[in-house]
């Protein structure tokens, strides 16, 4: 081979590699755009709606957000779901290395409902109420409403949604539980999945459901007149965040009443980020309303990720505190704060974003995070 042939061969290979690279780049860009589009639709699938006549018969004074901002009552559909609000705060103490003592208080969200407790109840208060209002609107125009709730195999979100939906004015079997994401083979996960099979409402097969979700979001062809809404993972949406804002305001009321001292900080497990986002916005709102809570100079919210993917995305991209991507803390603050401001409340977006940037500490210790849906060695030892 002479030099000219080698040069032509090298040039041809270079052009081929260039086109392959461009094709891969184009494919990756297209995939990212499709993911972004799906997440955007998923994030706002369940929109805030005015309350139904039945919902207005609720004890609206039981809602901490409505107590703080009564102008929201006639504009936001809400259901209490729980039967033990405000949830109590219990004092604990422990010994630390070096003969040190620590005092901490636990807000017992697990006691909020005799049916199914935990933080998911507040997450669902506005979401399920909006689903109820949506179903009523669909019924009036002859459409059939359905609701898809997604999670991993042992998802608390799926179980909690189906349990509380069964006691509301929703069509029978209108809630479909989907568990397309895998989970660790652990007893709690197994019991949760068995529970989801036994609760009223439909349940998809383990490991399936992405097709139904994409169809409901309008990213795959769907039947005419379809009126399906989709709950995001962990219930993380602007309405879910508003429920957790109520939890923060309720805690501020308890601090003002002297049930516990103004804390040095709040420690919260962070899965989908819905609860942590609501706490950040709630702290900012409580301060803006002049409540005597969360005023310590070194106050901090310690967020402990429980999903390795969330931890990795924050380590590499700062995902948790971005204000643009759906499902992130910053985006949740902006969206939920905008709802409050649009309905007549104060706009605390800037204050809440400042709390997020200056007073939130996200742990990136992978020894604690471990695998999703199962204890790490560190958490089990604790």
Foldseek 3Di string as FASTA:
>chain_A
DDPVVVVVVVVVVVVVVVVVVVVVVVVVVVVVVVVQLLLVLQQCLQDFAFFDPVQLPPPQCLFLVCVLPVLCNRGGFFDQLFDDPPFAKDKDKDADPPRDIDIDIDRPQQRRHPQGGDLVSLLCGRRLRSLLVLQVVCVVVVFHEAEEEEEAQQDPNLLVVLRSNVPDPHDWQRYEYEHQHYDDPDDNSVVSNVSSVVGTHHYDDHNDDPVVSCCQSVNDPDDPRYHYGYQPYVNQHLSSLCSLLSSLSSVLVCCLVVSDDQDLEAEDEDELCSNVLSNLLSVLVCVVSVRPHQPPPNYAYEYEYQALVVLVCCVVPVQQLDCPGRSHSNVSLVVNLVVQVVSPHDRRSVVSSVCVVPHYHYDNPCQQNDHHPDGRPVRVVD
